[in-house]
C-alpha atoms as a PDB file:
ATOM      1  CA  UNK A   1     -54.630 -33.880  49.890  1.00  0.00           C
ATOM      2  CA  UNK A   2     -55.159 -37.233  48.219  1.00  0.00           C
ATOM      3  CA  UNK A   3     -56.549 -35.495  45.164  1.00  0.00           C
ATOM      4  CA  UNK A   4     -53.415 -33.293  44.893  1.00  0.00           C
ATOM      5  CA  UNK A   5     -51.132 -36.337  45.182  1.00  0.00           C
ATOM      6  CA  UNK A   6     -53.073 -38.193  42.463  1.00  0.00           C
ATOM      7  CA  UNK A   7     -52.932 -35.117  40.249  1.00  0.00           C
ATOM      8  CA  UNK A   8     -49.102 -34.919  40.623  1.00  0.00           C
ATOM      9  CA  UNK A   9     -48.678 -38.631  39.816  1.00  0.00           C
ATOM     10  CA  UNK A  10     -50.906 -38.318  36.734  1.00  0.00           C
ATOM     11  CA  UNK A  11     -49.046 -35.211  35.522  1.00  0.00           C
ATOM     12  CA  UNK A  12     -45.654 -36.890  35.865  1.00  0.00           C
ATOM     13  CA  UNK A  13     -46.971 -39.936  33.940  1.00  0.00           C
ATOM     14  CA  UNK A  14     -48.154 -37.669  31.095  1.00  0.00           C
ATOM     15  CA  UNK A  15     -44.790 -35.868  30.968  1.00  0.00           C
ATOM     16  CA  UNK A  16     -42.927 -39.188  30.877  1.00  0.00           C
ATOM     17  CA  UNK A  17     -45.132 -40.584  28.107  1.00  0.00           C
ATOM     18  CA  UNK A  18     -44.678 -37.376  26.046  1.00  0.00           C
ATOM     19  CA  UNK A  19     -40.904 -37.532  26.462  1.00  0.00           C
ATOM     20  CA  UNK A  20     -40.726 -41.199  25.485  1.00  0.00           C
ATOM     21  CA  UNK A  21     -43.052 -40.580  22.518  1.00  0.00           C
ATOM     22  CA  UNK A  22     -40.763 -37.781  21.303  1.00  0.00           C
ATOM     23  CA  UNK A  23     -37.676 -39.986  21.600  1.00  0.00           C
ATOM     24  CA  UNK A  24     -39.416 -42.923  19.978  1.00  0.00           C
ATOM     25  CA  UNK A  25     -40.694 -40.924  17.007  1.00  0.00           C
ATOM     26  CA  UNK A  26     -37.158 -39.996  15.909  1.00  0.00           C
ATOM     27  CA  UNK A  27     -34.938 -43.097  16.275  1.00  0.00           C
ATOM     28  CA  UNK A  28     -32.310 -41.737  13.881  1.00  0.00           C
ATOM     29  CA  UNK A  29     -32.028 -38.523  15.857  1.00  0.00           C
ATOM     30  CA  UNK A  30     -31.704 -40.419  19.134  1.00  0.00           C
ATOM     31  CA  UNK A  31     -28.949 -42.621  17.703  1.00  0.00           C
ATOM     32  CA  UNK A  32     -27.186 -39.618  16.260  1.00  0.00           C
ATOM     33  CA  UNK A  33     -27.162 -37.954  19.662  1.00  0.00           C
ATOM     34  CA  UNK A  34     -25.864 -41.113  21.329  1.00  0.00           C
ATOM     35  CA  UNK A  35     -22.841 -41.471  19.097  1.00  0.00           C
ATOM     36  CA  UNK A  36     -22.270 -37.758  18.530  1.00  0.00           C
ATOM     37  CA  UNK A  37     -21.770 -37.159  22.208  1.00  0.00           C
ATOM     38  CA  UNK A  38     -19.813 -40.340  22.777  1.00  0.00           C
ATOM     39  CA  UNK A  39     -17.257 -40.484  19.928  1.00  0.00           C
ATOM     40  CA  UNK A  40     -13.702 -39.589  20.878  1.00  0.00           C
ATOM     41  CA  UNK A  41     -10.976 -39.684  18.241  1.00  0.00           C
ATOM     42  CA  UNK A  42      -7.592 -39.808  19.947  1.00  0.00           C
ATOM     43  CA  UNK A  43      -4.263 -39.300  18.191  1.00  0.00           C
ATOM     44  CA  UNK A  44      -1.012 -40.399  19.810  1.00  0.00           C
ATOM     45  CA  UNK A  45       1.867 -39.029  17.778  1.00  0.00           C
ATOM     46  CA  UNK A  46       5.624 -38.711  17.949  1.00  0.00           C
ATOM     47  CA  UNK A  47       6.071 -34.971  18.350  1.00  0.00           C
ATOM     48  CA  UNK A  48       9.845 -35.139  17.822  1.00  0.00           C
ATOM     49  CA  UNK A  49       9.256 -36.813  14.415  1.00  0.00           C
ATOM     50  CA  UNK A  50       7.561 -33.703  13.040  1.00  0.00           C
ATOM     51  CA  UNK A  51       4.030 -35.158  12.843  1.00  0.00           C
ATOM     52  CA  UNK A  52       2.467 -32.114  14.493  1.00  0.00           C
ATOM     53  CA  UNK A  53       1.659 -30.475  11.127  1.00  0.00           C
ATOM     54  CA  UNK A  54       0.057 -33.681   9.828  1.00  0.00           C
ATOM     55  CA  UNK A  55      -2.022 -33.940  13.009  1.00  0.00           C
ATOM     56  CA  UNK A  56      -3.225 -30.325  12.687  1.00  0.00           C
ATOM     57  CA  UNK A  57      -4.220 -30.896   9.050  1.00  0.00           C
ATOM     58  CA  UNK A  58      -6.101 -34.112   9.919  1.00  0.00           C
ATOM     59  CA  UNK A  59      -7.921 -32.365  12.769  1.00  0.00           C
ATOM     60  CA  UNK A  60      -8.947 -29.514  10.453  1.00  0.00           C
ATOM     61  CA  UNK A  61     -10.430 -31.854   7.821  1.00  0.00           C
ATOM     62  CA  UNK A  62     -12.077 -34.236  10.308  1.00  0.00           C
ATOM     63  CA  UNK A  63     -13.608 -31.339  12.257  1.00  0.00           C
ATOM     64  CA  UNK A  64     -15.204 -30.059   9.051  1.00  0.00           C
ATOM     65  CA  UNK A  65     -16.601 -33.448   8.012  1.00  0.00           C
ATOM     66  CA  UNK A  66     -17.551 -34.688  11.493  1.00  0.00           C
ATOM     67  CA  UNK A  67     -18.237 -31.654  13.703  1.00  0.00           C
ATOM     68  CA  UNK A  68     -19.671 -33.837  16.500  1.00  0.00           C
ATOM     69  CA  UNK A  69     -16.533 -35.932  17.061  1.00  0.00           C
ATOM     70  CA  UNK A  70     -14.294 -34.889  19.945  1.00  0.00           C
ATOM     71  CA  UNK A  71     -10.623 -34.975  18.928  1.00  0.00           C
ATOM     72  CA  UNK A  72      -7.657 -35.240  21.290  1.00  0.00           C
ATOM     73  CA  UNK A  73      -3.953 -35.435  20.629  1.00  0.00           C
ATOM     74  CA  UNK A  74      -1.017 -36.360  22.810  1.00  0.00           C
ATOM     75  CA  UNK A  75       2.631 -37.265  22.562  1.00  0.00           C
ATOM     76  CA  UNK A  76       3.303 -40.986  22.219  1.00  0.00           C
ATOM     77  CA  UNK A  77       5.962 -41.622  24.840  1.00  0.00           C
ATOM     78  CA  UNK A  78       8.809 -44.086  24.272  1.00  0.00           C
ATOM     79  CA  UNK A  79       9.590 -46.952  26.620  1.00  0.00           C
ATOM     80  CA  UNK A  80      10.676 -45.860  30.125  1.00  0.00           C
ATOM     81  CA  UNK A  81      14.307 -46.968  29.636  1.00  0.00           C
ATOM     82  CA  UNK A  82      14.709 -44.556  26.705  1.00  0.00           C
ATOM     83  CA  UNK A  83      13.081 -41.726  28.655  1.00  0.00           C
ATOM     84  CA  UNK A  84      15.513 -42.333  31.545  1.00  0.00           C
ATOM     85  CA  UNK A  85      18.495 -42.348  29.167  1.00  0.00           C
ATOM     86  CA  UNK A  86      17.331 -39.049  27.638  1.00  0.00           C
ATOM     87  CA  UNK A  87      16.852 -37.505  31.098  1.00  0.00           C
ATOM     88  CA  UNK A  88      20.296 -38.672  32.212  1.00  0.00           C
ATOM     89  CA  UNK A  89      21.919 -37.252  29.068  1.00  0.00           C
ATOM     90  CA  UNK A  90      20.137 -33.959  29.581  1.00  0.00           C
ATOM     91  CA  UNK A  91      21.635 -33.559  33.068  1.00  0.00           C
ATOM     92  CA  UNK A  92      25.031 -35.052  32.144  1.00  0.00           C
ATOM     93  CA  UNK A  93      25.336 -32.618  29.235  1.00  0.00           C
ATOM     94  CA  UNK A  94      24.887 -29.618  31.549  1.00  0.00           C
ATOM     95  CA  UNK A  95      27.367 -30.967  34.110  1.00  0.00           C
ATOM     96  CA  UNK A  96      29.980 -31.653  31.428  1.00  0.00           C
ATOM     97  CA  UNK A  97      29.538 -28.203  29.867  1.00  0.00           C
ATOM     98  CA  UNK A  98      29.871 -26.665  33.339  1.00  0.00           C
ATOM     99  CA  UNK A  99      33.115 -28.594  33.980  1.00  0.00           C
ATOM    100  CA  UNK A 100      34.521 -27.499  30.616  1.00  0.00           C
ATOM    101  CA  UNK A 101      33.716 -23.831  31.284  1.00  0.00           C
ATOM    102  CA  UNK A 102      35.068 -23.859  34.846  1.00  0.00           C
ATOM    103  CA  UNK A 103      38.143 -25.829  33.779  1.00  0.00           C
ATOM    104  CA  UNK A 104      37.889 -28.296  36.672  1.00  0.00           C
ATOM    105  CA  UNK A 105      39.534 -31.608  35.784  1.00  0.00           C
ATOM    106  CA  UNK A 106      37.072 -34.396  36.733  1.00  0.00           C
ATOM    107  CA  UNK A 107      39.704 -37.099  36.106  1.00  0.00           C
ATOM    108  CA  UNK A 108      41.920 -35.807  38.941  1.00  0.00           C
ATOM    109  CA  UNK A 109      39.056 -36.542  41.354  1.00  0.00           C
ATOM    110  CA  UNK A 110      39.291 -40.242  40.395  1.00  0.00           C
ATOM    111  CA  UNK A 111      43.103 -40.229  40.472  1.00  0.00           C
ATOM    112  CA  UNK A 112      43.366 -40.600  36.710  1.00  0.00           C
ATOM    113  CA  UNK A 113      45.404 -38.673  34.189  1.00  0.00           C
ATOM    114  CA  UNK A 114      43.314 -36.427  31.913  1.00  0.00           C
ATOM    115  CA  UNK A 115      43.060 -37.718  28.326  1.00  0.00           C
ATOM    116  CA  UNK A 116      44.204 -35.592  25.406  1.00  0.00           C
ATOM    117  CA  UNK A 117      40.621 -34.744  24.447  1.00  0.00           C
ATOM    118  CA  UNK A 118      40.210 -32.971  27.792  1.00  0.00           C
ATOM    119  CA  UNK A 119      43.246 -30.836  26.969  1.00  0.00           C
ATOM    120  CA  UNK A 120      41.688 -29.986  23.598  1.00  0.00           C
ATOM    121  CA  UNK A 121      38.397 -29.129  25.386  1.00  0.00           C
ATOM    122  CA  UNK A 122      40.220 -26.685  27.655  1.00  0.00           C
ATOM    123  CA  UNK A 123      41.946 -25.015  24.710  1.00  0.00           C
ATOM    124  CA  UNK A 124      38.729 -24.811  22.644  1.00  0.00           C
ATOM    125  CA  UNK A 125      35.990 -24.306  25.235  1.00  0.00           C
ATOM    126  CA  UNK A 126      33.384 -22.800  22.895  1.00  0.00           C
ATOM    127  CA  UNK A 127      33.709 -25.569  20.300  1.00  0.00           C
ATOM    128  CA  UNK A 128      33.804 -28.255  22.976  1.00  0.00           C
ATOM    129  CA  UNK A 129      30.637 -26.952  24.659  1.00  0.00           C
ATOM    130  CA  UNK A 130      28.825 -26.733  21.323  1.00  0.00           C
ATOM    131  CA  UNK A 131      29.935 -30.241  20.377  1.00  0.00           C
ATOM    132  CA  UNK A 132      28.807 -31.701  23.718  1.00  0.00           C
ATOM    133  CA  UNK A 133      25.483 -29.881  23.513  1.00  0.00           C
ATOM    134  CA  UNK A 134      24.591 -30.889  19.940  1.00  0.00           C
ATOM    135  CA  UNK A 135      25.864 -34.468  20.214  1.00  0.00           C
ATOM    136  CA  UNK A 136      23.927 -34.998  23.445  1.00  0.00           C
ATOM    137  CA  UNK A 137      20.798 -33.358  21.985  1.00  0.00           C
ATOM    138  CA  UNK A 138      20.990 -35.647  18.939  1.00  0.00           C
ATOM    139  CA  UNK A 139      21.154 -38.762  21.134  1.00  0.00           C
ATOM    140  CA  UNK A 140      18.319 -37.467  23.369  1.00  0.00           C
ATOM    141  CA  UNK A 141      16.092 -36.890  20.320  1.00  0.00           C
ATOM    142  CA  UNK A 142      16.901 -40.381  19.050  1.00  0.00           C
ATOM    143  CA  UNK A 143      15.882 -41.855  22.421  1.00  0.00           C
ATOM    144  CA  UNK A 144      12.610 -39.908  22.526  1.00  0.00           C
ATOM    145  CA  UNK A 145      11.675 -40.580  18.896  1.00  0.00           C
ATOM    146  CA  UNK A 146       9.126 -43.374  18.473  1.00  0.00           C
ATOM    147  CA  UNK A 147       7.841 -42.789  14.937  1.00  0.00           C
ATOM    148  CA  UNK A 148       4.306 -43.339  16.237  1.00  0.00           C
ATOM    149  CA  UNK A 149       1.097 -42.043  14.682  1.00  0.00           C
ATOM    150  CA  UNK A 150      -1.591 -44.049  16.448  1.00  0.00           C
ATOM    151  CA  UNK A 151      -5.307 -43.326  16.042  1.00  0.00           C
ATOM    152  CA  UNK A 152      -8.020 -44.655  18.376  1.00  0.00           C
ATOM    153  CA  UNK A 153     -11.776 -44.183  18.131  1.00  0.00           C
ATOM    154  CA  UNK A 154     -13.364 -44.623  21.579  1.00  0.00           C
ATOM    155  CA  UNK A 155     -10.238 -46.526  22.731  1.00  0.00           C
ATOM    156  CA  UNK A 156     -10.464 -48.923  19.757  1.00  0.00           C
ATOM    157  CA  UNK A 157      -7.382 -48.780  17.507  1.00  0.00           C
ATOM    158  CA  UNK A 158      -8.239 -47.737  13.941  1.00  0.00           C
ATOM    159  CA  UNK A 159      -4.716 -47.018  12.634  1.00  0.00           C
ATOM    160  CA  UNK A 160      -1.174 -47.728  13.786  1.00  0.00           C
ATOM    161  CA  UNK A 161       1.875 -46.412  11.970  1.00  0.00           C
ATOM    162  CA  UNK A 162       4.024 -48.663  14.159  1.00  0.00           C
ATOM    163  CA  UNK A 163       2.248 -51.694  12.644  1.00  0.00           C
ATOM    164  CA  UNK A 164       1.553 -50.469   9.099  1.00  0.00           C
ATOM    165  CA  UNK A 165       4.783 -48.536   8.598  1.00  0.00           C
ATOM    166  CA  UNK A 166       3.125 -45.470   7.062  1.00  0.00           C
ATOM    167  CA  UNK A 167       0.660 -42.682   7.775  1.00  0.00           C
ATOM    168  CA  UNK A 168      -2.932 -43.059   6.571  1.00  0.00           C
ATOM    169  CA  UNK A 169      -4.007 -40.892   3.673  1.00  0.00           C
ATOM    170  CA  UNK A 170      -6.853 -38.496   4.346  1.00  0.00           C
ATOM    171  CA  UNK A 171      -9.193 -40.650   2.217  1.00  0.00           C
ATOM    172  CA  UNK A 172      -8.233 -43.780   4.158  1.00  0.00           C
ATOM    173  CA  UNK A 173      -8.894 -42.081   7.478  1.00  0.00           C
ATOM    174  CA  UNK A 174     -12.261 -40.680   6.348  1.00  0.00           C
ATOM    175  CA  UNK A 175     -13.271 -44.119   5.018  1.00  0.00           C
ATOM    176  CA  UNK A 176     -12.283 -45.783   8.296  1.00  0.00           C
ATOM    177  CA  UNK A 177     -14.275 -43.230  10.302  1.00  0.00           C
ATOM    178  CA  UNK A 178     -17.317 -43.629   8.025  1.00  0.00           C
ATOM    179  CA  UNK A 179     -17.220 -47.419   8.425  1.00  0.00           C
ATOM    180  CA  UNK A 180     -16.792 -47.247  12.207  1.00  0.00           C
ATOM    181  CA  UNK A 181     -19.617 -44.732  12.604  1.00  0.00           C
ATOM    182  CA  UNK A 182     -21.992 -46.762  10.404  1.00  0.00           C
ATOM    183  CA  UNK A 183     -21.151 -49.877  12.396  1.00  0.00           C
ATOM    184  CA  UNK A 184     -21.704 -47.986  15.661  1.00  0.00           C
ATOM    185  CA  UNK A 185     -25.111 -46.723  14.526  1.00  0.00           C
ATOM    186  CA  UNK A 186     -26.067 -50.193  13.270  1.00  0.00           C
ATOM    187  CA  UNK A 187     -25.040 -51.871  16.542  1.00  0.00           C
ATOM    188  CA  UNK A 188     -26.955 -49.268  18.574  1.00  0.00           C
ATOM    189  CA  UNK A 189     -30.110 -49.805  16.513  1.00  0.00           C
ATOM    190  CA  UNK A 190     -30.159 -53.586  17.085  1.00  0.00           C
ATOM    191  CA  UNK A 191     -32.489 -54.369  20.021  1.00  0.00           C
ATOM    192  CA  UNK A 192     -30.747 -56.149  22.860  1.00  0.00           C
ATOM    193  CA  UNK A 193     -32.724 -59.114  24.177  1.00  0.00           C
ATOM    194  CA  UNK A 194     -32.110 -60.573  27.559  1.00  0.00           C
ATOM    195  CA  UNK A 195     -31.867 -64.341  27.727  1.00  0.00           C
END
């Protein structure tokens, strides 16, 4: 029984030494695996600004050059006050269009006389509904538009359109990624000493 236990301990020690020898003989490969599995490139874009096509093109090129990088994209949301205004307008628009179609005078409910624009709305219901819809939609889009095209690599900002005022060119983005990856590999290869 003791002999079997000693044999198992010796076998596990040999397996561990072989595994560590294999990892130690290829430091570049080990580092490549560490950052290949861990790099996440995250885009936060303003979808209502029409940056979806730019994002798709960037993803296509980056995926070809860096097949090991995980890429995510999401909508960059505006401040909560603007989201609430857009939500309110979305509901208000539907209520107002409903009142125009039904012909119910909302001003009579408050004891007020209907303004002349309400009379025009009742005479031109189709135009009034279209005008309310498109005007409200324009204001909603303005509230939801941020103009953002933010890029983070492992939660570290690498580009911000909100700060720079413009989108990065493909060469700029590739250069930034090259520099960040070289720095990551260099930092991982430095031995960490405990003090």
